[in-house]
């Protein structure tokens, strides 16, 4: 006798401003290993003490040198508050100063729009970057909020 297939969905009505972030960290050189270990410690801290607005997080492995995370945020203001405060702002500043041979990317999907950023990943485009044209993250494309607004208005 075959077991009945369980089919479910979820009620997202309590999360009208839900933001899904998919991010990845790719080792491009062995020199990036310490940076990846620091990132791992930071993400463990986030998992142990979730910031306000982080609803859930999944971890993924894209390859032996490419780890990823999917995060669900209550809304864009919660995500922005986290990214602009310590410890995240410190990690980001340090990474941008010296990526140590690592690449980083994230994509954010929200009811307001979609955006993406890729750091130190030439010729190794992932996600939206595989088909959408590249642009410099400056002016109206400098921040997540600005990119979401710019891309939402482009349609």
N, C-alpha and C. Protein backbone atom coordinates (compact mmCIF):
# COMPACT_ATOMS: atom_id res chain seq x y z
N UNK A 1 0.84 -1.18 0.00
CA UNK A 1 0.00 0.00 0.00
C UNK A 1 0.88 1.25 0.00
N UNK A 2 0.58 2.17 -0.87
CA UNK A 2 1.38 3.38 -1.01
C UNK A 2 0.88 4.45 -0.03
N UNK A 3 1.84 5.13 0.61
CA UNK A 3 1.48 6.19 1.56
C UNK A 3 0.93 7.39 0.80
N UNK A 4 -0.01 8.08 1.42
CA UNK A 4 -0.58 9.27 0.81
C UNK A 4 0.44 10.42 0.86
N UNK A 5 0.53 11.16 -0.22
CA UNK A 5 1.45 12.29 -0.30
C UNK A 5 0.88 13.45 0.51
N UNK A 6 1.71 14.00 1.37
CA UNK A 6 1.32 15.16 2.16
C UNK A 6 1.57 16.42 1.35
N UNK A 7 0.54 17.19 1.10
CA UNK A 7 0.66 18.42 0.32
C UNK A 7 0.19 19.58 1.19
N UNK A 8 1.08 20.60 1.37
CA UNK A 8 0.76 21.74 2.22
C UNK A 8 1.19 23.03 1.54
N UNK A 9 0.74 24.14 2.07
CA UNK A 9 1.22 25.45 1.68
C UNK A 9 1.37 26.25 2.97
N UNK A 10 1.68 27.51 2.87
CA UNK A 10 1.81 28.35 4.06
C UNK A 10 0.96 29.60 3.89
N UNK A 11 0.52 30.15 4.99
CA UNK A 11 -0.24 31.39 5.00
C UNK A 11 0.73 32.53 5.31
N UNK A 12 1.06 33.32 4.31
CA UNK A 12 2.02 34.41 4.46
C UNK A 12 1.33 35.76 4.70
N UNK A 13 0.05 35.75 4.98
CA UNK A 13 -0.68 37.01 5.14
C UNK A 13 -0.14 37.86 6.28
N UNK A 14 0.51 37.27 7.25
CA UNK A 14 1.09 38.03 8.36
C UNK A 14 2.42 38.68 7.98
N UNK A 15 2.90 38.40 6.78
CA UNK A 15 4.21 38.91 6.32
C UNK A 15 4.09 39.62 4.97
N UNK A 16 3.32 40.69 4.90
CA UNK A 16 3.11 41.36 3.61
C UNK A 16 4.36 42.04 3.05
N UNK A 17 5.36 42.27 3.87
CA UNK A 17 6.58 42.95 3.42
C UNK A 17 7.79 42.02 3.48
N UNK A 18 7.56 40.72 3.47
CA UNK A 18 8.62 39.72 3.56
C UNK A 18 9.73 39.98 2.54
N UNK A 19 10.97 39.87 2.99
CA UNK A 19 12.14 39.99 2.11
C UNK A 19 12.92 38.68 2.21
N UNK A 20 13.20 38.09 1.07
CA UNK A 20 14.02 36.88 1.02
C UNK A 20 15.38 37.29 0.46
N UNK A 21 16.43 36.95 1.19
CA UNK A 21 17.79 37.26 0.77
C UNK A 21 18.52 35.94 0.55
N UNK A 22 19.12 35.82 -0.61
CA UNK A 22 20.00 34.68 -0.89
C UNK A 22 21.39 35.26 -1.05
N UNK A 23 22.35 34.70 -0.32
CA UNK A 23 23.71 35.23 -0.40
C UNK A 23 24.71 34.10 -0.47
N UNK A 24 25.85 34.43 -1.02
CA UNK A 24 26.89 33.42 -1.17
C UNK A 24 28.27 34.00 -0.95
N UNK A 25 29.17 33.13 -0.56
CA UNK A 25 30.56 33.47 -0.29
C UNK A 25 31.40 32.43 -1.01
N UNK A 26 32.25 32.88 -1.92
CA UNK A 26 33.03 31.95 -2.74
C UNK A 26 34.51 32.18 -2.56
N UNK A 27 35.23 31.10 -2.22
CA UNK A 27 36.68 31.16 -2.14
C UNK A 27 37.24 31.16 -3.55
N UNK A 28 37.99 32.19 -3.88
CA UNK A 28 38.62 32.27 -5.19
C UNK A 28 40.10 31.94 -5.07
N UNK A 29 40.63 32.01 -3.85
CA UNK A 29 42.04 31.69 -3.55
C UNK A 29 42.08 31.10 -2.15
N UNK A 30 43.11 30.30 -1.86
CA UNK A 30 43.25 29.73 -0.50
C UNK A 30 43.38 30.83 0.55
N UNK A 31 43.91 31.97 0.15
CA UNK A 31 44.07 33.10 1.06
C UNK A 31 42.73 33.56 1.64
N UNK A 32 41.62 33.17 1.01
CA UNK A 32 40.29 33.57 1.47
C UNK A 32 39.77 32.70 2.61
N UNK A 33 40.45 31.59 2.91
CA UNK A 33 39.97 30.68 3.95
C UNK A 33 39.78 31.35 5.31
N UNK A 34 40.72 32.17 5.80
CA UNK A 34 40.48 32.85 7.09
C UNK A 34 39.25 33.76 7.06
N UNK A 35 39.02 34.41 5.93
CA UNK A 35 37.83 35.27 5.81
C UNK A 35 36.57 34.43 5.90
N UNK A 36 36.58 33.26 5.28
CA UNK A 36 35.42 32.38 5.33
C UNK A 36 35.19 31.88 6.75
N UNK A 37 36.25 31.57 7.46
CA UNK A 37 36.10 31.12 8.85
C UNK A 37 35.54 32.23 9.73
N UNK A 38 36.00 33.49 9.52
CA UNK A 38 35.44 34.62 10.26
C UNK A 38 33.96 34.78 9.96
N UNK A 39 33.60 34.64 8.69
CA UNK A 39 32.20 34.73 8.30
C UNK A 39 31.39 33.64 9.00
N UNK A 40 31.94 32.44 9.05
CA UNK A 40 31.25 31.34 9.72
C UNK A 40 30.99 31.62 11.18
N UNK A 41 31.98 32.20 11.87
CA UNK A 41 31.78 32.55 13.28
C UNK A 41 30.70 33.62 13.42
N UNK A 42 30.71 34.60 12.51
CA UNK A 42 29.71 35.66 12.55
C UNK A 42 28.31 35.13 12.29
N UNK A 43 28.19 34.22 11.34
CA UNK A 43 26.88 33.65 11.04
C UNK A 43 26.39 32.74 12.16
N UNK A 44 27.31 32.07 12.83
CA UNK A 44 26.92 31.27 14.00
C UNK A 44 26.36 32.18 15.09
N UNK A 45 26.97 33.35 15.26
CA UNK A 45 26.48 34.32 16.25
C UNK A 45 25.07 34.78 15.88
N UNK A 46 24.84 35.02 14.60
CA UNK A 46 23.51 35.43 14.14
C UNK A 46 22.50 34.31 14.42
N UNK A 47 22.90 33.09 14.16
CA UNK A 47 21.98 31.96 14.40
C UNK A 47 21.69 31.82 15.90
N UNK A 48 22.70 32.03 16.75
CA UNK A 48 22.50 31.91 18.20
C UNK A 48 21.74 33.09 18.79
N UNK A 49 21.90 34.27 18.19
CA UNK A 49 21.24 35.49 18.66
C UNK A 49 20.65 36.22 17.46
N UNK A 50 19.51 35.74 16.94
CA UNK A 50 18.97 36.34 15.72
C UNK A 50 18.63 37.82 15.90
N UNK A 51 18.98 38.64 14.92
CA UNK A 51 18.65 40.06 14.99
C UNK A 51 17.14 40.26 14.83
N UNK A 52 16.66 41.37 15.30
CA UNK A 52 15.24 41.72 15.18
C UNK A 52 14.83 41.67 13.71
N UNK A 53 13.78 40.94 13.42
CA UNK A 53 13.26 40.88 12.07
C UNK A 53 13.71 39.69 11.25
N UNK A 54 14.77 38.98 11.68
CA UNK A 54 15.19 37.77 10.96
C UNK A 54 14.27 36.63 11.38
N UNK A 55 13.51 36.11 10.45
CA UNK A 55 12.53 35.07 10.76
C UNK A 55 13.13 33.67 10.68
N UNK A 56 14.01 33.43 9.71
CA UNK A 56 14.61 32.10 9.53
C UNK A 56 15.81 32.21 8.61
N UNK A 57 16.66 31.17 8.67
CA UNK A 57 17.84 31.12 7.81
C UNK A 57 18.12 29.67 7.45
N UNK A 58 18.44 29.43 6.20
CA UNK A 58 18.86 28.11 5.71
C UNK A 58 20.28 28.23 5.19
N UNK A 59 21.03 27.16 5.31
CA UNK A 59 22.39 27.14 4.77
C UNK A 59 22.43 26.22 3.57
N UNK A 60 23.26 26.57 2.60
CA UNK A 60 23.36 25.80 1.36
C UNK A 60 24.83 25.63 0.98
N UNK A 61 25.11 24.62 0.21
CA UNK A 61 26.44 24.41 -0.32
C UNK A 61 26.31 24.34 -1.84
N UNK A 62 26.89 25.34 -2.52
CA UNK A 62 26.84 25.39 -3.98
C UNK A 62 28.00 24.62 -4.59
N UNK A 63 29.05 24.42 -3.85
CA UNK A 63 30.23 23.72 -4.31
C UNK A 63 31.23 23.66 -3.18
N UNK A 64 32.33 22.96 -3.38
CA UNK A 64 33.32 22.80 -2.30
C UNK A 64 33.86 24.15 -1.83
N UNK A 65 33.82 25.17 -2.68
CA UNK A 65 34.38 26.47 -2.34
C UNK A 65 33.33 27.59 -2.36
N UNK A 66 32.04 27.22 -2.27
CA UNK A 66 30.97 28.20 -2.43
C UNK A 66 29.82 27.86 -1.48
N UNK A 67 29.71 28.62 -0.39
CA UNK A 67 28.63 28.40 0.57
C UNK A 67 27.58 29.48 0.40
N UNK A 68 26.38 29.16 0.81
CA UNK A 68 25.30 30.13 0.65
C UNK A 68 24.32 30.07 1.81
N UNK A 69 23.50 31.10 1.86
CA UNK A 69 22.50 31.24 2.90
C UNK A 69 21.24 31.84 2.30
N UNK A 70 20.12 31.41 2.78
CA UNK A 70 18.84 32.03 2.42
C UNK A 70 18.26 32.54 3.73
N UNK A 71 17.93 33.81 3.75
CA UNK A 71 17.38 34.42 4.95
C UNK A 71 16.00 35.00 4.64
N UNK A 72 15.12 34.91 5.62
CA UNK A 72 13.78 35.46 5.52
C UNK A 72 13.66 36.58 6.55
N UNK A 73 13.44 37.80 6.07
CA UNK A 73 13.33 38.97 6.93
C UNK A 73 11.89 39.48 6.93
N UNK A 74 11.43 39.94 8.07
CA UNK A 74 10.07 40.44 8.22
C UNK A 74 9.78 41.57 7.23
N UNK A 75 10.77 42.47 7.05
CA UNK A 75 10.58 43.61 6.16
C UNK A 75 11.93 44.25 5.86
N UNK A 76 11.93 45.15 4.89
CA UNK A 76 13.17 45.82 4.48
C UNK A 76 13.76 46.67 5.60
N UNK A 77 12.97 47.42 6.38
CA UNK A 77 13.58 48.18 7.48
C UNK A 77 14.34 47.31 8.48
N UNK A 78 13.84 46.10 8.77
CA UNK A 78 14.57 45.19 9.68
C UNK A 78 15.90 44.77 9.08
N UNK A 79 15.89 44.41 7.81
CA UNK A 79 17.12 44.02 7.13
C UNK A 79 18.11 45.17 7.12
N UNK A 80 17.64 46.36 6.78
CA UNK A 80 18.53 47.53 6.74
C UNK A 80 19.10 47.85 8.12
N UNK A 81 18.28 47.76 9.15
CA UNK A 81 18.76 48.04 10.51
C UNK A 81 19.90 47.09 10.87
N UNK A 82 19.75 45.82 10.51
CA UNK A 82 20.80 44.85 10.79
C UNK A 82 22.07 45.17 10.00
N UNK A 83 21.94 45.44 8.70
CA UNK A 83 23.13 45.65 7.88
C UNK A 83 23.87 46.93 8.24
N UNK A 84 23.18 47.88 8.82
CA UNK A 84 23.82 49.16 9.17
C UNK A 84 24.36 49.19 10.60
N UNK A 85 24.17 48.12 11.34
CA UNK A 85 24.64 48.09 12.73
C UNK A 85 25.75 47.05 12.88
N UNK A 86 26.43 47.12 14.01
CA UNK A 86 27.46 46.13 14.32
C UNK A 86 26.76 44.84 14.75
N UNK A 87 27.26 43.70 14.42
CA UNK A 87 28.58 43.46 13.86
C UNK A 87 28.61 43.49 12.32
N UNK A 88 27.43 43.45 11.67
CA UNK A 88 27.40 43.35 10.22
C UNK A 88 28.16 44.49 9.53
N UNK A 89 27.94 45.72 9.95
CA UNK A 89 28.60 46.84 9.27
C UNK A 89 30.12 46.73 9.37
N UNK A 90 30.62 46.19 10.46
CA UNK A 90 32.06 45.97 10.61
C UNK A 90 32.57 44.89 9.68
N UNK A 91 31.82 43.80 9.58
CA UNK A 91 32.22 42.72 8.67
C UNK A 91 32.25 43.24 7.25
N UNK A 92 31.24 43.97 6.86
CA UNK A 92 31.12 44.47 5.49
C UNK A 92 32.26 45.43 5.17
N UNK A 93 32.53 46.35 6.09
CA UNK A 93 33.62 47.32 5.89
C UNK A 93 34.95 46.58 5.74
N UNK A 94 35.22 45.61 6.60
CA UNK A 94 36.48 44.86 6.54
C UNK A 94 36.57 44.05 5.25
N UNK A 95 35.47 43.46 4.83
CA UNK A 95 35.48 42.67 3.61
C UNK A 95 35.76 43.55 2.40
N UNK A 96 35.11 44.70 2.33
CA UNK A 96 35.32 45.59 1.19
C UNK A 96 36.74 46.14 1.15
N UNK A 97 37.34 46.32 2.33
CA UNK A 97 38.71 46.81 2.40
C UNK A 97 39.69 45.78 1.84
N UNK A 98 39.46 44.49 2.17
CA UNK A 98 40.34 43.43 1.68
C UNK A 98 39.56 42.12 1.60
N UNK A 99 39.04 41.78 0.42
CA UNK A 99 38.26 40.54 0.28
C UNK A 99 39.10 39.26 0.44
N UNK A 100 40.41 39.39 0.50
CA UNK A 100 41.32 38.26 0.73
C UNK A 100 41.10 37.12 -0.27
N UNK A 101 40.81 37.45 -1.51
CA UNK A 101 40.64 36.41 -2.51
C UNK A 101 39.28 35.74 -2.46
N UNK A 102 38.31 36.36 -1.81
CA UNK A 102 36.97 35.80 -1.73
C UNK A 102 36.01 36.63 -2.55
N UNK A 103 34.95 36.01 -3.00
CA UNK A 103 33.88 36.71 -3.67
C UNK A 103 32.63 36.63 -2.82
N UNK A 104 31.77 37.62 -2.95
CA UNK A 104 30.53 37.67 -2.19
C UNK A 104 29.42 38.15 -3.11
N UNK A 105 28.22 37.65 -2.90
CA UNK A 105 27.05 38.14 -3.63
C UNK A 105 25.82 38.01 -2.75
N UNK A 106 24.85 38.86 -3.03
CA UNK A 106 23.52 38.66 -2.42
C UNK A 106 22.46 39.17 -3.38
N UNK A 107 21.30 38.57 -3.25
CA UNK A 107 20.12 38.98 -3.99
C UNK A 107 18.99 39.11 -2.99
N UNK A 108 18.18 40.15 -3.13
CA UNK A 108 17.04 40.36 -2.24
C UNK A 108 15.77 40.43 -3.07
N UNK A 109 14.76 39.72 -2.62
CA UNK A 109 13.47 39.66 -3.29
C UNK A 109 12.40 40.12 -2.31
N UNK A 110 11.63 41.12 -2.72
CA UNK A 110 10.59 41.66 -1.84
C UNK A 110 9.39 42.07 -2.68
N UNK A 111 8.24 42.32 -2.05
CA UNK A 111 7.09 42.81 -2.81
C UNK A 111 7.37 44.14 -3.49
N UNK A 112 8.33 44.90 -2.96
CA UNK A 112 8.67 46.20 -3.54
C UNK A 112 9.57 46.08 -4.77
N UNK A 113 10.25 44.95 -4.91
CA UNK A 113 11.16 44.77 -6.03
C UNK A 113 12.28 43.80 -5.71
N UNK A 114 13.24 43.71 -6.61
CA UNK A 114 14.35 42.77 -6.52
C UNK A 114 15.65 43.53 -6.72
N UNK A 115 16.73 43.07 -6.08
CA UNK A 115 18.03 43.71 -6.27
C UNK A 115 19.13 42.69 -6.05
N UNK A 116 20.33 43.04 -6.50
CA UNK A 116 21.48 42.15 -6.36
C UNK A 116 22.77 42.95 -6.29
N UNK A 117 23.78 42.36 -5.64
CA UNK A 117 25.12 42.96 -5.60
C UNK A 117 26.13 41.81 -5.67
N UNK A 118 27.21 42.04 -6.41
CA UNK A 118 28.27 41.04 -6.58
C UNK A 118 29.60 41.72 -6.31
N UNK A 119 30.39 41.14 -5.42
CA UNK A 119 31.68 41.70 -5.04
C UNK A 119 32.77 40.68 -5.38
N UNK A 120 33.74 41.11 -6.18
CA UNK A 120 34.92 40.29 -6.46
C UNK A 120 34.56 38.96 -7.13
N UNK A 121 33.61 38.99 -8.07
CA UNK A 121 33.22 37.78 -8.79
C UNK A 121 33.23 38.00 -10.31
N UNK A 122 34.35 38.45 -10.87
CA UNK A 122 34.39 38.63 -12.32
C UNK A 122 34.31 37.29 -13.03
N UNK A 123 33.55 37.25 -14.08
CA UNK A 123 33.42 36.04 -14.91
C UNK A 123 32.87 34.84 -14.16
N UNK A 124 32.38 35.04 -12.95
CA UNK A 124 31.81 33.93 -12.17
C UNK A 124 30.41 34.32 -11.72
N UNK A 125 29.67 34.93 -12.59
CA UNK A 125 28.35 35.46 -12.25
C UNK A 125 27.43 34.34 -11.77
N UNK A 126 26.61 34.63 -10.81
CA UNK A 126 25.64 33.69 -10.27
C UNK A 126 24.27 34.36 -10.26
N UNK A 127 23.24 33.58 -10.04
CA UNK A 127 21.90 34.11 -9.87
C UNK A 127 21.47 35.06 -10.97
N UNK A 128 20.91 36.20 -10.57
CA UNK A 128 20.42 37.20 -11.52
C UNK A 128 21.53 37.71 -12.43
N UNK A 129 22.75 37.69 -11.93
CA UNK A 129 23.89 38.16 -12.71
C UNK A 129 24.22 37.31 -13.92
N UNK A 130 23.61 36.13 -14.01
CA UNK A 130 23.85 35.27 -15.18
C UNK A 130 23.14 35.80 -16.43
N UNK A 131 22.11 36.61 -16.25
CA UNK A 131 21.37 37.07 -17.42
C UNK A 131 21.11 38.58 -17.45
N UNK A 132 21.13 39.24 -16.32
CA UNK A 132 20.88 40.68 -16.29
C UNK A 132 22.19 41.43 -16.54
N UNK A 133 22.12 42.57 -17.24
CA UNK A 133 23.36 43.31 -17.52
C UNK A 133 23.98 43.89 -16.25
N UNK A 134 25.28 43.93 -16.21
CA UNK A 134 26.01 44.48 -15.06
C UNK A 134 25.87 46.00 -15.03
N UNK A 135 25.89 46.56 -13.82
CA UNK A 135 25.84 48.01 -13.62
C UNK A 135 26.69 48.33 -12.40
N UNK A 136 27.23 49.53 -12.33
CA UNK A 136 28.03 49.94 -11.17
C UNK A 136 27.10 50.29 -10.01
N UNK A 137 27.44 49.84 -8.78
CA UNK A 137 26.61 50.15 -7.61
C UNK A 137 26.92 51.55 -7.08
N UNK A 138 26.47 52.54 -7.80
CA UNK A 138 26.69 53.93 -7.41
C UNK A 138 25.44 54.73 -7.76
N UNK A 139 25.36 55.94 -7.25
CA UNK A 139 24.20 56.79 -7.51
C UNK A 139 22.93 56.11 -7.06
N UNK A 140 21.94 55.97 -7.95
CA UNK A 140 20.67 55.36 -7.56
C UNK A 140 20.74 53.85 -7.34
N UNK A 141 21.90 53.25 -7.56
CA UNK A 141 22.08 51.81 -7.34
C UNK A 141 23.04 51.52 -6.18
N UNK A 142 23.25 52.49 -5.30
CA UNK A 142 24.24 52.34 -4.24
C UNK A 142 23.80 51.40 -3.13
N UNK A 143 22.57 51.48 -2.67
CA UNK A 143 22.12 50.67 -1.53
C UNK A 143 21.03 49.70 -1.95
N UNK A 144 20.77 48.73 -1.09
CA UNK A 144 19.70 47.77 -1.35
C UNK A 144 18.39 48.49 -1.61
N UNK A 145 18.00 49.42 -0.75
CA UNK A 145 16.73 50.13 -0.90
C UNK A 145 16.70 50.89 -2.24
N UNK A 146 17.79 51.56 -2.58
CA UNK A 146 17.83 52.31 -3.83
C UNK A 146 17.73 51.38 -5.05
N UNK A 147 18.42 50.23 -4.99
CA UNK A 147 18.36 49.30 -6.12
C UNK A 147 16.95 48.72 -6.27
N UNK A 148 16.31 48.38 -5.14
CA UNK A 148 14.94 47.87 -5.21
C UNK A 148 14.02 48.89 -5.84
N UNK A 149 14.12 50.14 -5.40
CA UNK A 149 13.27 51.19 -5.97
C UNK A 149 13.56 51.40 -7.46
N UNK A 150 14.85 51.43 -7.82
CA UNK A 150 15.22 51.66 -9.22
C UNK A 150 14.71 50.51 -10.10
N UNK A 151 14.86 49.28 -9.63
CA UNK A 151 14.45 48.14 -10.44
C UNK A 151 12.92 48.00 -10.49
N UNK A 152 12.24 48.37 -9.42
CA UNK A 152 10.77 48.31 -9.42
C UNK A 152 10.20 49.32 -10.40
N UNK A 153 10.86 50.48 -10.54
CA UNK A 153 10.38 51.52 -11.44
C UNK A 153 10.78 51.29 -12.88
N UNK A 154 11.62 50.28 -13.13
CA UNK A 154 12.12 50.05 -14.48
C UNK A 154 11.11 49.34 -15.38
N UNK A 155 10.09 48.72 -14.76
CA UNK A 155 9.15 47.92 -15.54
C UNK A 155 8.12 48.70 -16.16
